Each structure stands twice: as structure tokens, then as C-alpha cells.
Amino acid sequence: MSLISPAFAQSTAAPPGAGLNWIILPVFVAIFYFLLIRPQQKRVKDQQAMLAKLANGDEVVTSGGILGRIAEVGDTFVTLEIADGVRIKVQRTQISQLVPKGTLKSA
């Protein structure tokens, strides 16, 4: 006689709540997409559209906080006039926002 008892197969029924795990995962992925990924893609798209329509005379703020008027637009660089006779070149991608005309005079 053996000291080891025979193994009995478990029932094939899934434990309670096992099917719920497969429902929760896609729900979390959808929430993550709609709350984080989609809004970020929209912001990037809006930023690229704003950069594409930059023109001479537009007043802008750089990501570093410099306020200036666009004097010259190039493919990768933009020349900003930040004061009378003072011009700086910044990368086009560093322009963070357009501001209404006249903002430079009031600042």
C-alpha cells in the first residue's frame, strides 16, 4: 500500500469572478485611452497646426516665456523681435502659443 493518496481532478467550472477579469482589463484600457492618450494627441495636432500657420507680424510666446513679434519665419527657426532692434532666433517648435495683437505693447 502506498502512503500517497490518489489525486482527484478538480472540477472544470471556473472559480467565481474569473470572467470579470477579462471584462475589467479592456475597460481600463479604454479609460486610459480616452482620458490620457486621446487628449494628448489632440494637443499635439493643435500645436502643429498653430506652428504651420505662423506668419510675420504674429505675436507669440516661447516655451521659455519670451514674448515677441515674428520678424522672419524659416523652416526650422523663427526670428523674434523682442524689443526695438533686438532680434533673437528660436526654434520653431519652441513657440508655445499665439497671443492677440497688441499684447507686446501692453506688456
N, C-alpha and C. Protein backbone atom coordinates (compact mmCIF):
# COMPACT_ATOMS: atom_id res chain seq x y z
N MET A 1 0.82 -1.17 0.00
CA MET A 1 0.00 0.00 0.00
C MET A 1 0.88 1.25 0.00
N SER A 2 0.39 2.25 -0.70
CA SER A 2 1.13 3.49 -0.86
C SER A 2 0.72 4.51 0.20
N LEU A 3 1.66 5.34 0.59
CA LEU A 3 1.37 6.38 1.57
C LEU A 3 0.79 7.64 0.93
N ILE A 4 0.85 7.72 -0.37
CA ILE A 4 0.34 8.89 -1.09
C ILE A 4 -1.07 8.60 -1.54
N SER A 5 -1.98 9.50 -1.20
CA SER A 5 -3.36 9.31 -1.61
C SER A 5 -3.52 9.68 -3.07
N PRO A 6 -4.45 9.02 -3.75
CA PRO A 6 -4.65 9.35 -5.17
C PRO A 6 -5.15 10.78 -5.35
N ALA A 7 -4.67 11.43 -6.40
CA ALA A 7 -5.06 12.82 -6.69
C ALA A 7 -6.42 12.83 -7.37
N PHE A 8 -7.24 13.72 -6.96
CA PHE A 8 -8.55 13.86 -7.56
C PHE A 8 -8.57 15.09 -8.45
N ALA A 9 -9.08 14.95 -9.62
CA ALA A 9 -9.15 16.08 -10.55
C ALA A 9 -10.16 17.10 -10.04
N GLN A 10 -9.79 18.36 -10.24
CA GLN A 10 -10.71 19.41 -9.82
C GLN A 10 -11.81 19.55 -10.86
N SER A 11 -12.88 20.13 -10.43
CA SER A 11 -13.97 20.35 -11.38
C SER A 11 -13.55 21.37 -12.43
N THR A 12 -14.13 21.33 -13.60
CA THR A 12 -13.77 22.22 -14.69
C THR A 12 -14.46 23.57 -14.60
N ALA A 13 -15.31 23.76 -13.64
CA ALA A 13 -16.01 25.04 -13.51
C ALA A 13 -15.02 26.11 -13.07
N ALA A 14 -15.13 27.28 -13.65
CA ALA A 14 -14.25 28.40 -13.30
C ALA A 14 -14.63 28.93 -11.93
N PRO A 15 -13.65 29.42 -11.21
CA PRO A 15 -13.96 30.00 -9.90
C PRO A 15 -14.82 31.25 -10.07
N PRO A 16 -15.62 31.57 -9.08
CA PRO A 16 -16.49 32.75 -9.21
C PRO A 16 -15.67 34.02 -9.41
N GLY A 17 -16.09 34.84 -10.36
CA GLY A 17 -15.42 36.12 -10.62
C GLY A 17 -14.29 36.04 -11.63
N ALA A 18 -13.97 34.87 -12.16
CA ALA A 18 -12.87 34.74 -13.11
C ALA A 18 -13.18 35.43 -14.44
N GLY A 19 -14.43 35.39 -14.87
CA GLY A 19 -14.80 36.05 -16.12
C GLY A 19 -14.78 37.56 -16.01
N LEU A 20 -14.88 38.06 -14.81
CA LEU A 20 -14.88 39.50 -14.58
C LEU A 20 -13.53 40.13 -14.91
N ASN A 21 -12.45 39.38 -14.73
CA ASN A 21 -11.11 39.90 -15.02
C ASN A 21 -10.95 40.24 -16.49
N TRP A 22 -11.55 39.46 -17.36
CA TRP A 22 -11.43 39.72 -18.79
C TRP A 22 -12.28 40.90 -19.23
N ILE A 23 -13.22 41.29 -18.44
CA ILE A 23 -14.05 42.46 -18.75
C ILE A 23 -13.39 43.73 -18.22
N ILE A 24 -12.77 43.65 -17.06
CA ILE A 24 -12.17 44.82 -16.43
C ILE A 24 -10.97 45.34 -17.21
N LEU A 25 -10.14 44.46 -17.74
CA LEU A 25 -8.93 44.88 -18.46
C LEU A 25 -9.26 45.78 -19.67
N PRO A 26 -10.17 45.39 -20.57
CA PRO A 26 -10.49 46.29 -21.69
C PRO A 26 -11.13 47.61 -21.23
N VAL A 27 -11.88 47.56 -20.13
CA VAL A 27 -12.48 48.79 -19.61
C VAL A 27 -11.39 49.75 -19.15
N PHE A 28 -10.37 49.24 -18.45
CA PHE A 28 -9.26 50.10 -18.02
C PHE A 28 -8.47 50.64 -19.20
N VAL A 29 -8.27 49.83 -20.22
CA VAL A 29 -7.56 50.29 -21.42
C VAL A 29 -8.36 51.39 -22.10
N ALA A 30 -9.65 51.25 -22.20
CA ALA A 30 -10.49 52.28 -22.82
C ALA A 30 -10.47 53.58 -22.01
N ILE A 31 -10.55 53.46 -20.70
CA ILE A 31 -10.49 54.65 -19.85
C ILE A 31 -9.15 55.35 -20.00
N PHE A 32 -8.08 54.59 -20.00
CA PHE A 32 -6.73 55.14 -20.17
C PHE A 32 -6.62 55.87 -21.51
N TYR A 33 -7.16 55.28 -22.58
CA TYR A 33 -7.11 55.89 -23.90
C TYR A 33 -7.87 57.20 -23.94
N PHE A 34 -9.10 57.20 -23.45
CA PHE A 34 -9.93 58.40 -23.57
C PHE A 34 -9.54 59.50 -22.60
N LEU A 35 -8.91 59.18 -21.49
CA LEU A 35 -8.53 60.21 -20.53
C LEU A 35 -7.11 60.72 -20.71
N LEU A 36 -6.22 59.92 -21.28
CA LEU A 36 -4.82 60.33 -21.37
C LEU A 36 -4.30 60.44 -22.80
N ILE A 37 -4.45 59.41 -23.57
CA ILE A 37 -3.81 59.37 -24.89
C ILE A 37 -4.52 60.28 -25.89
N ARG A 38 -5.82 60.18 -25.98
CA ARG A 38 -6.57 60.96 -26.98
C ARG A 38 -6.43 62.48 -26.77
N PRO A 39 -6.58 63.01 -25.54
CA PRO A 39 -6.39 64.45 -25.37
C PRO A 39 -4.96 64.92 -25.71
N GLN A 40 -3.96 64.10 -25.42
CA GLN A 40 -2.59 64.47 -25.75
C GLN A 40 -2.40 64.52 -27.26
N GLN A 41 -2.97 63.57 -27.99
CA GLN A 41 -2.88 63.59 -29.45
C GLN A 41 -3.55 64.83 -30.02
N LYS A 42 -4.66 65.25 -29.43
CA LYS A 42 -5.36 66.45 -29.89
C LYS A 42 -4.51 67.69 -29.65
N ARG A 43 -3.85 67.78 -28.48
CA ARG A 43 -2.98 68.93 -28.20
C ARG A 43 -1.82 69.00 -29.17
N VAL A 44 -1.22 67.86 -29.48
CA VAL A 44 -0.10 67.83 -30.43
C VAL A 44 -0.57 68.27 -31.81
N LYS A 45 -1.72 67.81 -32.23
CA LYS A 45 -2.28 68.18 -33.53
C LYS A 45 -2.55 69.69 -33.60
N ASP A 46 -3.13 70.25 -32.54
CA ASP A 46 -3.40 71.69 -32.49
C ASP A 46 -2.11 72.50 -32.50
N GLN A 47 -1.09 72.04 -31.77
CA GLN A 47 0.20 72.74 -31.73
C GLN A 47 0.86 72.74 -33.11
N GLN A 48 0.82 71.61 -33.81
CA GLN A 48 1.40 71.53 -35.14
C GLN A 48 0.66 72.43 -36.13
N ALA A 49 -0.66 72.51 -36.00
CA ALA A 49 -1.43 73.39 -36.88
C ALA A 49 -1.08 74.86 -36.61
N MET A 50 -0.90 75.23 -35.33
CA MET A 50 -0.53 76.59 -34.99
C MET A 50 0.85 76.93 -35.54
N LEU A 51 1.80 76.02 -35.42
CA LEU A 51 3.15 76.26 -35.93
C LEU A 51 3.17 76.37 -37.45
N ALA A 52 2.30 75.65 -38.13
CA ALA A 52 2.26 75.68 -39.58
C ALA A 52 1.74 77.01 -40.12
N LYS A 53 0.91 77.69 -39.35
CA LYS A 53 0.32 78.94 -39.85
C LYS A 53 1.01 80.20 -39.31
N LEU A 54 2.21 80.06 -38.71
CA LEU A 54 2.93 81.24 -38.23
C LEU A 54 3.28 82.16 -39.40
N ALA A 55 3.16 83.45 -39.18
CA ALA A 55 3.46 84.42 -40.22
C ALA A 55 4.14 85.65 -39.61
N ASN A 56 4.76 86.43 -40.47
CA ASN A 56 5.40 87.67 -40.00
C ASN A 56 4.37 88.58 -39.35
N GLY A 57 4.76 89.20 -38.23
CA GLY A 57 3.87 90.11 -37.54
C GLY A 57 3.06 89.46 -36.42
N ASP A 58 3.01 88.13 -36.38
CA ASP A 58 2.30 87.46 -35.30
C ASP A 58 3.05 87.66 -33.99
N GLU A 59 2.30 87.83 -32.91
CA GLU A 59 2.91 87.95 -31.60
C GLU A 59 2.79 86.60 -30.91
N VAL A 60 3.90 86.12 -30.36
CA VAL A 60 3.96 84.77 -29.80
C VAL A 60 4.69 84.77 -28.46
N VAL A 61 4.50 83.67 -27.74
CA VAL A 61 5.23 83.41 -26.51
C VAL A 61 5.99 82.10 -26.71
N THR A 62 7.27 82.09 -26.35
CA THR A 62 8.05 80.86 -26.46
C THR A 62 7.84 80.01 -25.22
N SER A 63 8.33 78.78 -25.28
CA SER A 63 8.20 77.89 -24.13
C SER A 63 9.02 78.39 -22.95
N GLY A 64 9.99 79.25 -23.19
CA GLY A 64 10.79 79.85 -22.13
C GLY A 64 10.16 81.11 -21.56
N GLY A 65 9.04 81.54 -22.13
CA GLY A 65 8.33 82.70 -21.61
C GLY A 65 8.68 84.01 -22.28
N ILE A 66 9.42 83.98 -23.38
CA ILE A 66 9.80 85.21 -24.09
C ILE A 66 8.65 85.63 -25.00
N LEU A 67 8.25 86.89 -24.87
CA LEU A 67 7.18 87.45 -25.69
C LEU A 67 7.82 88.25 -26.81
N GLY A 68 7.38 88.03 -28.04
CA GLY A 68 7.96 88.76 -29.16
C GLY A 68 7.08 88.73 -30.38
N ARG A 69 7.48 89.54 -31.36
CA ARG A 69 6.77 89.61 -32.64
C ARG A 69 7.64 88.91 -33.69
N ILE A 70 7.03 88.10 -34.52
CA ILE A 70 7.78 87.37 -35.54
C ILE A 70 8.23 88.33 -36.62
N ALA A 71 9.54 88.35 -36.86
CA ALA A 71 10.11 89.20 -37.90
C ALA A 71 10.43 88.39 -39.15
N GLU A 72 10.75 87.13 -38.97
CA GLU A 72 11.10 86.28 -40.10
C GLU A 72 10.78 84.83 -39.75
N VAL A 73 10.19 84.12 -40.71
CA VAL A 73 9.83 82.72 -40.50
C VAL A 73 10.65 81.85 -41.44
N GLY A 74 11.35 80.87 -40.87
CA GLY A 74 12.10 79.91 -41.66
C GLY A 74 11.51 78.53 -41.49
N ASP A 75 12.20 77.55 -42.07
CA ASP A 75 11.71 76.17 -41.96
C ASP A 75 11.84 75.65 -40.53
N THR A 76 12.98 75.89 -39.90
CA THR A 76 13.19 75.37 -38.55
C THR A 76 13.37 76.46 -37.51
N PHE A 77 13.68 77.68 -37.93
CA PHE A 77 13.90 78.77 -36.98
C PHE A 77 12.98 79.94 -37.28
N VAL A 78 12.69 80.70 -36.24
CA VAL A 78 11.87 81.90 -36.33
C VAL A 78 12.66 83.03 -35.68
N THR A 79 12.69 84.19 -36.34
CA THR A 79 13.34 85.36 -35.75
C THR A 79 12.29 86.19 -35.05
N LEU A 80 12.50 86.41 -33.76
CA LEU A 80 11.57 87.20 -32.95
C LEU A 80 12.19 88.54 -32.63
N GLU A 81 11.38 89.59 -32.74
CA GLU A 81 11.80 90.91 -32.29
C GLU A 81 11.19 91.10 -30.90
N ILE A 82 12.05 91.10 -29.88
CA ILE A 82 11.56 91.16 -28.50
C ILE A 82 11.58 92.59 -27.96
N ALA A 83 12.32 93.48 -28.62
CA ALA A 83 12.34 94.91 -28.30
C ALA A 83 12.77 95.63 -29.57
N ASP A 84 12.71 96.95 -29.58
CA ASP A 84 13.11 97.70 -30.78
C ASP A 84 14.56 97.40 -31.10
N GLY A 85 14.79 96.80 -32.26
CA GLY A 85 16.14 96.50 -32.72
C GLY A 85 16.77 95.26 -32.08
N VAL A 86 16.06 94.57 -31.23
CA VAL A 86 16.60 93.37 -30.59
C VAL A 86 15.89 92.15 -31.17
N ARG A 87 16.66 91.34 -31.87
CA ARG A 87 16.10 90.15 -32.52
C ARG A 87 16.83 88.91 -32.04
N ILE A 88 16.07 87.86 -31.84
CA ILE A 88 16.66 86.58 -31.48
C ILE A 88 16.07 85.50 -32.38
N LYS A 89 16.86 84.44 -32.57
CA LYS A 89 16.37 83.30 -33.34
C LYS A 89 16.03 82.19 -32.36
N VAL A 90 14.86 81.60 -32.54
CA VAL A 90 14.44 80.46 -31.72
C VAL A 90 13.95 79.36 -32.65
N GLN A 91 14.00 78.15 -32.15
CA GLN A 91 13.46 77.05 -32.94
C GLN A 91 11.95 77.19 -33.05
N ARG A 92 11.45 76.86 -34.19
CA ARG A 92 10.01 76.98 -34.44
C ARG A 92 9.20 76.16 -33.44
N THR A 93 9.72 75.00 -33.06
CA THR A 93 9.00 74.13 -32.14
C THR A 93 8.93 74.70 -30.73
N GLN A 94 9.71 75.72 -30.42
CA GLN A 94 9.70 76.32 -29.09
C GLN A 94 8.63 77.39 -28.92
N ILE A 95 7.92 77.70 -29.99
CA ILE A 95 6.80 78.64 -29.89
C ILE A 95 5.65 77.89 -29.21
N SER A 96 5.20 78.41 -28.06
CA SER A 96 4.16 77.68 -27.33
C SER A 96 2.77 78.20 -27.61
N GLN A 97 2.62 79.50 -27.90
CA GLN A 97 1.28 79.99 -28.18
C GLN A 97 1.31 81.32 -28.92
N LEU A 98 0.25 81.54 -29.66
CA LEU A 98 0.00 82.85 -30.28
C LEU A 98 -0.75 83.70 -29.28
N VAL A 99 -0.44 84.99 -29.25
CA VAL A 99 -1.17 85.89 -28.37
C VAL A 99 -1.83 86.95 -29.24
N PRO A 100 -2.89 87.59 -28.74
CA PRO A 100 -3.58 88.62 -29.53
C PRO A 100 -2.64 89.78 -29.88
N LYS A 101 -2.89 90.36 -31.05
CA LYS A 101 -2.09 91.53 -31.46
C LYS A 101 -2.25 92.64 -30.44
N GLY A 102 -1.15 93.34 -30.16
CA GLY A 102 -1.17 94.42 -29.19
C GLY A 102 -0.71 93.98 -27.80
N THR A 103 -0.54 92.70 -27.61
CA THR A 103 -0.09 92.20 -26.32
C THR A 103 1.32 92.67 -26.02
N LEU A 104 2.16 92.74 -27.05
CA LEU A 104 3.55 93.16 -26.88
C LEU A 104 3.63 94.61 -26.39
N LYS A 105 2.76 95.48 -26.90
CA LYS A 105 2.77 96.89 -26.47
C LYS A 105 2.27 97.05 -25.05
N SER A 106 1.31 96.22 -24.65
CA SER A 106 0.75 96.36 -23.32
C SER A 106 1.60 95.70 -22.25
N ALA A 107 2.56 94.88 -22.65
CA ALA A 107 3.39 94.17 -21.66
C ALA A 107 4.52 95.03 -21.15
